Amino acid sequence: MKYAVINASASGSNTIVAAVTGKRIRVLSYVMIAAGDVTVTWRSAANAISGPMALATNGGAAPAAGQATPAGLIGQFQTEQGEALNMNLSAAIAVGGHLAYIVTD
C-alpha cells in the first residue's frame, strides 16, 4: 500500500499521483477537506472516474477503506493503465487531505 498527500488549489486538473507506465492506480480510501465552496471530480488523466462532489467551506469526504476479496483489494475507483490520478477542481479553492492506494495491472 502507498500513500499520497492531497494538496490541490488550482482550478482544473491537479495531479495527486503521477502515472505509472502500464499500471493502474487504485484508490482504497481518502480524506479531503475544502477551504471554500468547490466541486471535486476524480479523474484518470482527463476522464472522470467519479461523479462531481460539491463540497461546502470546511466540508469534505472520507469514504471507507477498500475491502479485501480473493480477487484482490476492492477500492473506491481506479485509473486506466498508464494514467495519472488527478483531482479536478471547479474553482481555485484549496483542498487538502490524504489517500491510500495500490498500483496494480
Protein backbone atom coordinates (compact mmCIF):
# COMPACT_ATOMS: atom_id res chain seq x y z
CA MET A 1 0.00 0.00 0.00
CA LYS A 2 1.13 3.51 -0.78
CA TYR A 3 0.05 6.91 0.49
CA ALA A 4 -0.23 10.35 -1.07
CA VAL A 5 -0.89 13.85 0.18
CA ILE A 6 -3.81 15.77 -1.32
CA ASN A 7 -2.77 19.41 -1.66
CA ALA A 8 -4.67 20.91 -4.59
CA SER A 9 -5.69 24.51 -5.17
CA ALA A 10 -5.66 25.24 -8.90
CA SER A 11 -8.89 25.43 -10.83
CA GLY A 12 -8.98 22.47 -13.23
CA SER A 13 -6.71 19.43 -13.12
CA ASN A 14 -4.33 18.77 -10.19
CA THR A 15 -2.11 15.66 -10.26
CA ILE A 16 -2.33 13.71 -6.99
CA VAL A 17 -0.47 10.53 -8.06
CA ALA A 18 1.75 10.51 -11.16
CA ALA A 19 1.12 7.94 -13.88
CA VAL A 20 2.91 4.59 -13.66
CA THR A 21 3.71 3.02 -17.04
CA GLY A 22 1.43 0.04 -17.73
CA LYS A 23 -0.18 0.18 -14.26
CA ARG A 24 -3.45 1.39 -12.73
CA ILE A 25 -3.72 3.47 -9.56
CA ARG A 26 -6.49 2.04 -7.35
CA VAL A 27 -7.63 4.37 -4.56
CA LEU A 28 -8.62 2.44 -1.45
CA SER A 29 -9.59 5.35 0.78
CA TYR A 30 -9.24 9.10 1.00
CA VAL A 31 -9.97 12.12 3.16
CA MET A 32 -10.44 15.57 1.67
CA ILE A 33 -11.49 18.90 3.18
CA ALA A 34 -12.21 22.06 1.16
CA ALA A 35 -11.32 25.58 2.31
CA GLY A 36 -14.27 27.00 0.35
CA ASP A 37 -17.19 26.02 -1.85
CA VAL A 38 -15.87 23.83 -4.68
CA THR A 39 -16.86 20.83 -6.78
CA VAL A 40 -14.33 17.98 -6.94
CA THR A 41 -14.18 15.26 -9.59
CA TRP A 42 -11.60 12.46 -9.54
CA ARG A 43 -10.09 11.76 -12.97
CA SER A 44 -7.96 9.19 -14.76
CA ALA A 45 -5.86 11.66 -16.75
CA ALA A 46 -8.70 13.78 -18.30
CA ASN A 47 -11.55 11.23 -17.92
CA ALA A 48 -13.91 11.33 -14.91
CA ILE A 49 -13.80 8.28 -12.63
CA SER A 50 -16.12 9.78 -10.01
CA GLY A 51 -19.15 11.95 -10.15
CA PRO A 52 -18.84 15.62 -9.23
CA MET A 53 -18.83 16.13 -5.45
CA ALA A 54 -19.94 19.55 -4.20
CA LEU A 55 -18.08 20.50 -1.02
CA ALA A 56 -19.00 23.46 1.16
CA THR A 57 -16.49 25.56 3.08
CA ASN A 58 -14.72 23.32 5.62
CA GLY A 59 -16.70 20.34 4.31
CA GLY A 60 -15.24 17.16 2.96
CA ALA A 61 -15.50 13.46 2.27
CA ALA A 62 -13.90 10.37 3.81
CA PRO A 63 -15.00 7.09 2.17
CA ALA A 64 -14.15 3.88 3.99
CA ALA A 65 -11.10 1.81 3.13
CA GLY A 66 -11.22 -0.74 0.34
CA GLN A 67 -12.21 -4.31 1.14
CA ALA A 68 -10.06 -7.41 0.56
CA THR A 69 -11.50 -10.25 -1.53
CA PRO A 70 -9.90 -13.38 -3.01
CA ALA A 71 -9.50 -11.44 -6.27
CA GLY A 72 -7.64 -8.57 -4.54
CA LEU A 73 -8.39 -5.27 -2.90
CA ILE A 74 -11.62 -3.51 -3.90
CA GLY A 75 -11.19 0.23 -3.83
CA GLN A 76 -13.16 3.41 -4.39
CA PHE A 77 -12.08 3.82 -8.06
CA GLN A 78 -9.04 3.34 -10.28
CA THR A 79 -7.29 4.95 -13.23
CA GLU A 80 -6.78 3.42 -16.63
CA GLN A 81 -3.38 1.81 -17.25
CA GLY A 82 -0.60 4.35 -17.50
CA GLU A 83 -2.73 7.34 -16.48
CA ALA A 84 -2.25 9.77 -13.59
CA LEU A 85 -4.76 10.19 -10.78
CA ASN A 86 -5.99 13.77 -11.00
CA MET A 87 -8.32 15.86 -8.89
CA ASN A 88 -10.33 18.37 -10.90
CA LEU A 89 -11.50 21.47 -9.03
CA SER A 90 -14.29 23.75 -10.26
CA ALA A 91 -12.55 26.80 -8.76
CA ALA A 92 -9.19 27.83 -7.29
CA ILE A 93 -10.05 26.66 -3.75
CA ALA A 94 -7.61 24.77 -1.52
CA VAL A 95 -8.49 21.11 -0.97
CA GLY A 96 -6.28 19.08 1.35
CA GLY A 97 -6.14 15.60 2.76
CA HIS A 98 -4.56 12.24 2.04
CA LEU A 99 -5.24 8.94 0.33
CA ALA A 100 -4.20 5.30 0.38
CA TYR A 101 -3.72 3.46 -2.92
CA ILE A 102 -2.15 0.48 -4.60
CA VAL A 103 -0.57 0.12 -8.03
CA THR A 104 -1.99 -2.81 -9.99
CA ASP A 105 -2.15 -4.27 -13.54
